[in-house]
């Protein structure tokens, strides 16, 4: 069950990253995209 929660969270974070990556405002804030990637990795490895 724990792995299902992790996988679901990772998928949600991935969709959020792809969604915000299409926003012109976020394209100029690469640190925010990096933060989403780090958060997704932290959730997956947690």
PDB file of N, CA and C in Angstrom:
ATOM      1  N   UNK A   1       0.834  -1.203   0.000  1.00  0.00           N
ATOM      2  CA  UNK A   1       0.000   0.000   0.000  1.00  0.00           C
ATOM      3  C   UNK A   1       0.866   1.249   0.000  1.00  0.00           C
ATOM      4  N   UNK A   2       1.965   1.180   0.729  1.00  0.00           N
ATOM      5  CA  UNK A   2       2.839   2.343   0.801  1.00  0.00           C
ATOM      6  C   UNK A   2       3.423   2.668  -0.569  1.00  0.00           C
ATOM      7  N   UNK A   3       3.763   1.621  -1.334  1.00  0.00           N
ATOM      8  CA  UNK A   3       4.334   1.849  -2.654  1.00  0.00           C
ATOM      9  C   UNK A   3       3.303   2.460  -3.597  1.00  0.00           C
ATOM     10  N   UNK A   4       2.037   2.092  -3.416  1.00  0.00           N
ATOM     11  CA  UNK A   4       0.978   2.659  -4.256  1.00  0.00           C
ATOM     12  C   UNK A   4       0.848   4.157  -3.992  1.00  0.00           C
ATOM     13  N   UNK A   5       0.932   4.527  -2.725  1.00  0.00           N
ATOM     14  CA  UNK A   5       0.841   5.948  -2.373  1.00  0.00           C
ATOM     15  C   UNK A   5       2.023   6.704  -2.955  1.00  0.00           C
ATOM     16  N   UNK A   6       3.212   6.136  -2.853  1.00  0.00           N
ATOM     17  CA  UNK A   6       4.405   6.790  -3.399  1.00  0.00           C
ATOM     18  C   UNK A   6       4.283   6.965  -4.901  1.00  0.00           C
ATOM     19  N   UNK A   7       3.849   5.894  -5.590  1.00  0.00           N
ATOM     20  CA  UNK A   7       3.732   5.953  -7.041  1.00  0.00           C
ATOM     21  C   UNK A   7       2.692   6.989  -7.460  1.00  0.00           C
ATOM     22  N   UNK A   8       1.575   7.032  -6.742  1.00  0.00           N
ATOM     23  CA  UNK A   8       0.518   7.997  -7.055  1.00  0.00           C
ATOM     24  C   UNK A   8       1.036   9.423  -6.865  1.00  0.00           C
ATOM     25  N   UNK A   9       1.761   9.654  -5.778  1.00  0.00           N
ATOM     26  CA  UNK A   9       2.313  10.981  -5.518  1.00  0.00           C
ATOM     27  C   UNK A   9       3.313  11.359  -6.601  1.00  0.00           C
ATOM     28  N   UNK A  10       4.126  10.404  -7.042  1.00  0.00           N
ATOM     29  CA  UNK A  10       5.109  10.670  -8.081  1.00  0.00           C
ATOM     30  C   UNK A  10       4.415  11.035  -9.385  1.00  0.00           C
ATOM     31  N   UNK A  11       3.341  10.314  -9.716  1.00  0.00           N
ATOM     32  CA  UNK A  11       2.592  10.608 -10.944  1.00  0.00           C
ATOM     33  C   UNK A  11       1.969  12.001 -10.870  1.00  0.00           C
ATOM     34  N   UNK A  12       1.410  12.333  -9.706  1.00  0.00           N
ATOM     35  CA  UNK A  12       0.795  13.655  -9.532  1.00  0.00           C
ATOM     36  C   UNK A  12       1.843  14.753  -9.680  1.00  0.00           C
ATOM     37  N   UNK A  13       3.001  14.566  -9.058  1.00  0.00           N
ATOM     38  CA  UNK A  13       4.063  15.562  -9.157  1.00  0.00           C
ATOM     39  C   UNK A  13       4.539  15.705 -10.592  1.00  0.00           C
ATOM     40  N   UNK A  14       4.597  14.570 -11.327  1.00  0.00           N
ATOM     41  CA  UNK A  14       5.032  14.617 -12.723  1.00  0.00           C
ATOM     42  C   UNK A  14       4.043  15.420 -13.563  1.00  0.00           C
ATOM     43  N   UNK A  15       2.746  15.188 -13.341  1.00  0.00           N
ATOM     44  CA  UNK A  15       1.732  15.930 -14.091  1.00  0.00           C
ATOM     45  C   UNK A  15       1.788  17.417 -13.747  1.00  0.00           C
ATOM     46  N   UNK A  16       2.034  17.725 -12.462  1.00  0.00           N
ATOM     47  CA  UNK A  16       2.147  19.126 -12.055  1.00  0.00           C
ATOM     48  C   UNK A  16       3.353  19.770 -12.732  1.00  0.00           C
ATOM     49  N   UNK A  17       4.464  19.048 -12.789  1.00  0.00           N
ATOM     50  CA  UNK A  17       5.672  19.572 -13.420  1.00  0.00           C
ATOM     51  C   UNK A  17       5.427  19.842 -14.893  1.00  0.00           C
ATOM     52  N   UNK A  18       4.790  18.885 -15.581  1.00  0.00           N
ATOM     53  CA  UNK A  18       4.503  19.064 -17.004  1.00  0.00           C
ATOM     54  C   UNK A  18       3.511  20.206 -17.219  1.00  0.00           C
ATOM     55  N   UNK A  19       2.552  20.340 -16.302  1.00  0.00           N
ATOM     56  CA  UNK A  19       1.547  21.399 -16.427  1.00  0.00           C
ATOM     57  C   UNK A  19       2.175  22.782 -16.259  1.00  0.00           C
ATOM     58  N   UNK A  20       2.991  22.941 -15.218  1.00  0.00           N
ATOM     59  CA  UNK A  20       3.608  24.238 -14.969  1.00  0.00           C
ATOM     60  C   UNK A  20       4.730  24.537 -15.962  1.00  0.00           C
ATOM     61  N   UNK A  21       5.299  23.495 -16.565  1.00  0.00           N
ATOM     62  CA  UNK A  21       6.377  23.699 -17.533  1.00  0.00           C
ATOM     63  C   UNK A  21       5.842  24.385 -18.785  1.00  0.00           C
ATOM     64  N   UNK A  22       4.542  24.242 -19.039  1.00  0.00           N
ATOM     65  CA  UNK A  22       3.953  24.874 -20.215  1.00  0.00           C
ATOM     66  C   UNK A  22       3.630  26.341 -19.956  1.00  0.00           C
ATOM     67  N   UNK A  23       3.710  26.746 -18.701  1.00  0.00           N
ATOM     68  CA  UNK A  23       3.424  28.138 -18.359  1.00  0.00           C
ATOM     69  C   UNK A  23       4.663  28.988 -18.633  1.00  0.00           C
ATOM     70  N   UNK A  24       4.485  30.097 -19.337  1.00  0.00           N
ATOM     71  CA  UNK A  24       5.622  30.962 -19.673  1.00  0.00           C
ATOM     72  C   UNK A  24       6.277  31.529 -18.419  1.00  0.00           C
ATOM     73  N   UNK A  25       5.452  31.778 -17.372  1.00  0.00           N
ATOM     74  CA  UNK A  25       6.000  32.366 -16.159  1.00  0.00           C
ATOM     75  C   UNK A  25       6.974  31.426 -15.481  1.00  0.00           C
ATOM     76  N   UNK A  26       6.655  30.117 -15.497  1.00  0.00           N
ATOM     77  CA  UNK A  26       7.503  29.148 -14.811  1.00  0.00           C
ATOM     78  C   UNK A  26       8.754  28.852 -15.627  1.00  0.00           C
ATOM     79  N   UNK A  27       8.682  29.061 -16.953  1.00  0.00           N
ATOM     80  CA  UNK A  27       9.852  28.787 -17.785  1.00  0.00           C
ATOM     81  C   UNK A  27      11.030  29.669 -17.376  1.00  0.00           C
ATOM     82  N   UNK A  28      10.725  30.837 -16.820  1.00  0.00           N
ATOM     83  CA  UNK A  28      11.790  31.732 -16.390  1.00  0.00           C
ATOM     84  C   UNK A  28      12.195  31.479 -14.944  1.00  0.00           C
ATOM     85  N   UNK A  29      11.559  30.496 -14.320  1.00  0.00           N
ATOM     86  CA  UNK A  29      11.907  30.151 -12.939  1.00  0.00           C
ATOM     87  C   UNK A  29      12.301  28.674 -12.888  1.00  0.00           C
ATOM     88  N   UNK A  30      13.476  28.384 -13.424  1.00  0.00           N
ATOM     89  CA  UNK A  30      13.931  26.995 -13.491  1.00  0.00           C
ATOM     90  C   UNK A  30      14.121  26.408 -12.098  1.00  0.00           C
ATOM     91  N   UNK A  31      14.376  27.260 -11.114  1.00  0.00           N
ATOM     92  CA  UNK A  31      14.562  26.749  -9.743  1.00  0.00           C
ATOM     93  C   UNK A  31      13.269  26.155  -9.225  1.00  0.00           C
ATOM     94  N   UNK A  32      12.126  26.697  -9.679  1.00  0.00           N
ATOM     95  CA  UNK A  32      10.841  26.154  -9.244  1.00  0.00           C
ATOM     96  C   UNK A  32      10.623  24.766  -9.840  1.00  0.00           C
ATOM     97  N   UNK A  33      10.992  24.607 -11.114  1.00  0.00           N
ATOM     98  CA  UNK A  33      10.872  23.303 -11.761  1.00  0.00           C
ATOM     99  C   UNK A  33      11.807  22.306 -11.085  1.00  0.00           C
ATOM    100  N   UNK A  34      13.012  22.772 -10.732  1.00  0.00           N
ATOM    101  CA  UNK A  34      13.966  21.898 -10.050  1.00  0.00           C
ATOM    102  C   UNK A  34      13.410  21.491  -8.688  1.00  0.00           C
ATOM    103  N   UNK A  35      12.705  22.396  -8.049  1.00  0.00           N
ATOM    104  CA  UNK A  35      12.102  22.091  -6.755  1.00  0.00           C
ATOM    105  C   UNK A  35      11.046  21.002  -6.878  1.00  0.00           C
ATOM    106  N   UNK A  36      10.257  21.073  -7.958  1.00  0.00           N
ATOM    107  CA  UNK A  36       9.246  20.038  -8.170  1.00  0.00           C
ATOM    108  C   UNK A  36       9.911  18.695  -8.430  1.00  0.00           C
ATOM    109  N   UNK A  37      11.007  18.700  -9.186  1.00  0.00           N
ATOM    110  CA  UNK A  37      11.721  17.457  -9.477  1.00  0.00           C
ATOM    111  C   UNK A  37      12.306  16.874  -8.195  1.00  0.00           C
ATOM    112  N   UNK A  38      12.887  17.729  -7.352  1.00  0.00           N
ATOM    113  CA  UNK A  38      13.465  17.261  -6.091  1.00  0.00           C
ATOM    114  C   UNK A  38      12.378  16.732  -5.165  1.00  0.00           C
ATOM    115  N   UNK A  39      11.225  17.407  -5.160  1.00  0.00           N
ATOM    116  CA  UNK A  39      10.123  16.960  -4.307  1.00  0.00           C
ATOM    117  C   UNK A  39       9.616  15.598  -4.774  1.00  0.00           C
ATOM    118  N   UNK A  40       9.500  15.425  -6.090  1.00  0.00           N
ATOM    119  CA  UNK A  40       9.035  14.140  -6.624  1.00  0.00           C
ATOM    120  C   UNK A  40      10.035  13.039  -6.284  1.00  0.00           C
ATOM    121  N   UNK A  41      11.330  13.342  -6.418  1.00  0.00           N
ATOM    122  CA  UNK A  41      12.358  12.359  -6.094  1.00  0.00           C
ATOM    123  C   UNK A  41      12.363  12.031  -4.611  1.00  0.00           C
ATOM    124  N   UNK A  42      12.152  13.054  -3.772  1.00  0.00           N
ATOM    125  CA  UNK A  42      12.137  12.833  -2.323  1.00  0.00           C
ATOM    126  C   UNK A  42      10.951  11.960  -1.927  1.00  0.00           C
ATOM    127  N   UNK A  43       9.797  12.202  -2.545  1.00  0.00           N
ATOM    128  CA  UNK A  43       8.613  11.396  -2.227  1.00  0.00           C
ATOM    129  C   UNK A  43       8.823   9.957  -2.678  1.00  0.00           C
ATOM    130  N   UNK A  44       9.451   9.801  -3.850  1.00  0.00           N
ATOM    131  CA  UNK A  44       9.649   8.451  -4.381  1.00  0.00           C
ATOM    132  C   UNK A  44      10.656   7.661  -3.551  1.00  0.00           C
ATOM    133  N   UNK A  45      11.687   8.349  -3.045  1.00  0.00           N
ATOM    134  CA  UNK A  45      12.731   7.661  -2.278  1.00  0.00           C
ATOM    135  C   UNK A  45      12.432   7.628  -0.783  1.00  0.00           C
ATOM    136  N   UNK A  46      11.406   8.368  -0.341  1.00  0.00           N
ATOM    137  CA  UNK A  46      11.112   8.459   1.083  1.00  0.00           C
ATOM    138  C   UNK A  46      10.570   7.151   1.623  1.00  0.00           C
TER     139      UNK A  46
END
